[in-house]
Amino acid sequence: MQARCREVDPTLHYQRQLKPSSCYVYQVERDGSSFVLKIAEDPWDKKHLRNEERALSLSPDVDGITHLVHAYRPTPRSYPRAILKEYIEGRSPILRGQKSNPQLQSTLERTVRELHDRRIANLDLVYKNIIIPPDETQLIIVDLGTALVYPKIYEHAFCGARDSDHRMIDRMWEL
């Protein structure tokens, strides 16, 4: 795994493999800071990373997401497509059946609203794609691989995806 990370970027040091995913997802370190390295090999993974890279590149100032640090472009001599994102320590939020937490819910709603303002929707707001940091002040979306950017011409599709995102938020606190 260290070799795979170094093929993408020789300055990265492998720390550990993160959640199971279709892509290779690693916690890596460089100059004392931790990051997330996502590597794609097959066509589905590459599409996932392209979607995530596009959404993150349009959202550098949105709170409540892990931000893009670097996008690695594949070359004939390099590893397939990869992105480097900020790493935020946290745990999966287990909210279903728990009493609604207005603070957490409002931070997630604000993040989603800011993404929607950029016409980014289809966010796949499920537990595996969201973490709660140790300070428990907000929910952080850590995977935007299914997110799509909708041009104005696709207003109907955007509205459907946006509404679906809102339903997913509501379901997090359902019994």
Protein backbone atom coordinates (compact mmCIF):
# COMPACT_ATOMS: atom_id res chain seq x y z
CA MET A 1 0.00 0.00 0.00
CA GLN A 2 2.91 2.32 0.68
CA ALA A 3 4.14 1.62 -2.86
CA ARG A 4 0.71 2.43 -4.32
CA CYS A 5 0.64 5.76 -2.43
CA ARG A 6 4.19 6.60 -3.49
CA GLU A 7 3.36 5.87 -7.14
CA VAL A 8 0.79 8.65 -6.95
CA ASP A 9 2.98 11.07 -4.98
CA PRO A 10 6.44 10.18 -3.64
CA THR A 11 6.07 12.74 -0.82
CA LEU A 12 3.15 10.84 0.77
CA HIS A 13 3.61 8.32 3.56
CA TYR A 14 0.97 5.62 4.02
CA GLN A 15 -0.70 5.58 7.45
CA ARG A 16 -3.67 3.22 7.10
CA GLN A 17 -6.46 2.09 4.82
CA LEU A 18 -9.76 3.85 5.47
CA LYS A 19 -13.35 2.66 5.05
CA PRO A 20 -14.06 -0.02 2.47
CA SER A 21 -14.92 1.65 -0.81
CA SER A 22 -14.90 1.01 -4.53
CA CYS A 23 -11.82 3.26 -4.70
CA TYR A 24 -8.64 2.74 -2.74
CA VAL A 25 -8.93 5.14 0.21
CA TYR A 26 -5.94 5.76 2.46
CA GLN A 27 -4.94 8.04 5.27
CA VAL A 28 -1.55 9.43 4.30
CA GLU A 29 0.89 11.88 5.87
CA ARG A 30 3.08 14.60 4.42
CA ASP A 31 5.13 17.09 6.39
CA GLY A 32 3.36 16.16 9.64
CA SER A 33 -0.17 16.63 8.29
CA SER A 34 -2.72 13.91 7.56
CA PHE A 35 -4.68 13.69 4.31
CA VAL A 36 -7.00 11.30 2.51
CA LEU A 37 -5.74 9.83 -0.74
CA LYS A 38 -8.34 8.29 -3.05
CA ILE A 39 -7.09 6.27 -6.01
CA ALA A 40 -9.20 5.04 -8.91
CA GLU A 41 -8.32 2.21 -11.25
CA ASP A 42 -11.48 1.01 -12.98
CA PRO A 43 -13.92 3.14 -15.00
CA TRP A 44 -16.51 3.40 -12.19
CA ASP A 45 -13.88 4.56 -9.70
CA LYS A 46 -12.56 7.12 -12.18
CA LYS A 47 -16.07 8.51 -12.68
CA HIS A 48 -16.50 8.64 -8.89
CA LEU A 49 -13.29 10.65 -8.50
CA ARG A 50 -14.12 12.96 -11.43
CA ASN A 51 -17.49 13.72 -9.83
CA GLU A 52 -15.90 14.35 -6.45
CA GLU A 53 -13.09 16.47 -7.87
CA ARG A 54 -15.55 18.63 -9.81
CA ALA A 55 -17.85 19.13 -6.81
CA LEU A 56 -14.94 19.94 -4.48
CA SER A 57 -13.28 22.30 -6.94
CA LEU A 58 -16.53 24.32 -7.03
CA SER A 59 -16.80 24.34 -3.21
CA PRO A 60 -13.49 25.45 -1.69
CA ASP A 61 -15.23 27.76 0.78
CA VAL A 62 -18.05 25.46 1.90
CA ASP A 63 -17.89 24.41 5.54
CA GLY A 64 -19.00 20.89 6.38
CA ILE A 65 -17.09 18.99 3.67
CA THR A 66 -13.57 17.65 3.34
CA HIS A 67 -11.78 19.92 0.86
CA LEU A 68 -9.69 19.10 -2.18
CA VAL A 69 -5.95 19.54 -1.68
CA HIS A 70 -4.71 18.23 -5.02
CA ALA A 71 -5.97 16.39 -8.09
CA TYR A 72 -3.43 14.07 -9.69
CA ARG A 73 -3.72 13.81 -13.45
CA PRO A 74 -2.95 10.41 -14.89
CA THR A 75 -0.08 10.21 -17.33
CA PRO A 76 1.26 7.18 -19.21
CA ARG A 77 3.90 6.70 -16.51
CA SER A 78 1.82 7.56 -13.44
CA TYR A 79 -0.78 5.80 -11.39
CA PRO A 80 -4.42 6.13 -12.48
CA ARG A 81 -6.53 9.09 -11.39
CA ALA A 82 -6.23 10.15 -7.73
CA ILE A 83 -7.22 13.01 -5.44
CA LEU A 84 -5.79 14.22 -2.16
CA LYS A 85 -8.26 15.66 0.36
CA GLU A 86 -8.03 17.06 3.83
CA TYR A 87 -8.36 14.50 6.61
CA ILE A 88 -10.75 15.15 9.48
CA GLU A 89 -10.82 12.77 12.42
CA GLY A 90 -14.29 11.59 13.27
CA ARG A 91 -16.73 8.76 13.68
CA SER A 92 -19.78 7.67 11.77
CA PRO A 93 -22.89 9.36 13.10
CA ILE A 94 -25.48 6.86 14.28
CA LEU A 95 -28.56 9.06 14.26
CA ARG A 96 -31.42 6.78 13.26
CA GLY A 97 -33.75 6.35 16.19
CA GLN A 98 -31.99 8.97 18.27
CA LYS A 99 -33.60 12.23 19.27
CA SER A 100 -33.02 14.88 16.64
CA ASN A 101 -30.03 17.10 17.34
CA PRO A 102 -31.02 20.55 16.02
CA GLN A 103 -27.42 21.83 15.96
CA LEU A 104 -26.10 18.90 13.94
CA GLN A 105 -29.11 18.90 11.67
CA SER A 106 -28.81 22.63 10.96
CA THR A 107 -25.07 22.39 10.14
CA LEU A 108 -25.73 19.59 7.67
CA GLU A 109 -28.67 21.48 6.15
CA ARG A 110 -26.48 24.59 5.77
CA THR A 111 -23.75 22.58 4.04
CA VAL A 112 -26.24 20.97 1.68
CA ARG A 113 -27.84 24.35 0.95
CA GLU A 114 -24.43 25.82 0.05
CA LEU A 115 -23.71 22.88 -2.26
CA HIS A 116 -27.14 23.25 -3.85
CA ASP A 117 -26.46 26.98 -4.34
CA ARG A 118 -23.55 25.83 -6.53
CA ARG A 119 -25.95 23.46 -8.36
CA ILE A 120 -24.27 20.39 -6.82
CA ALA A 121 -26.75 17.68 -5.82
CA ASN A 122 -27.20 13.90 -5.68
CA LEU A 123 -25.04 13.91 -2.55
CA ASP A 124 -25.66 10.34 -1.29
CA LEU A 125 -26.19 11.50 2.30
CA VAL A 126 -25.81 8.17 4.08
CA TYR A 127 -23.92 7.36 7.27
CA LYS A 128 -20.85 5.97 5.53
CA ASN A 129 -20.33 9.30 3.74
CA ILE A 130 -20.69 11.53 6.80
CA ILE A 131 -18.63 11.83 9.98
CA ILE A 132 -18.99 13.65 13.25
CA PRO A 133 -15.72 15.11 14.57
CA PRO A 134 -14.71 14.69 18.23
CA ASP A 135 -16.06 18.16 19.16
CA GLU A 136 -19.51 17.00 17.93
CA THR A 137 -20.40 20.48 16.66
CA GLN A 138 -21.18 19.56 13.06
CA LEU A 139 -21.57 16.77 10.57
CA ILE A 140 -18.94 16.58 7.81
CA ILE A 141 -19.63 15.12 4.36
CA VAL A 142 -16.51 13.12 3.48
CA ASP A 143 -17.49 11.58 0.14
CA LEU A 144 -19.00 13.50 -2.78
CA GLY A 145 -18.28 10.83 -5.39
CA THR A 146 -21.90 10.58 -6.53
CA ALA A 147 -22.41 14.34 -6.57
CA LEU A 148 -23.31 15.89 -9.88
CA VAL A 149 -23.07 19.48 -11.06
CA TYR A 150 -26.26 20.40 -12.90
CA PRO A 151 -26.18 23.12 -15.57
CA LYS A 152 -29.23 25.44 -15.67
CA ILE A 153 -30.53 23.61 -18.73
CA TYR A 154 -31.16 20.53 -16.54
CA GLU A 155 -33.33 22.32 -13.97
CA HIS A 156 -35.84 19.48 -13.66
CA ALA A 157 -33.11 16.90 -12.94
CA PHE A 158 -31.41 19.26 -10.45
CA CYS A 159 -34.68 19.84 -8.57
CA GLY A 160 -35.29 16.09 -8.31
CA ALA A 161 -31.77 15.43 -6.99
CA ARG A 162 -32.02 18.38 -4.56
CA ASP A 163 -35.34 17.10 -3.21
CA SER A 164 -33.86 13.63 -2.80
CA ASP A 165 -30.97 15.11 -0.77
CA HIS A 166 -33.46 16.80 1.56
CA ARG A 167 -35.40 13.56 2.03
CA MET A 168 -32.14 11.79 2.95
CA ILE A 169 -31.45 14.40 5.65
CA ASP A 170 -34.95 13.94 7.07
CA ARG A 171 -34.51 10.15 7.17
CA MET A 172 -31.38 10.40 9.32
CA TRP A 173 -33.50 11.19 12.38
CA GLU A 174 -36.48 8.94 11.65
CA LEU A 175 -37.32 6.12 14.01
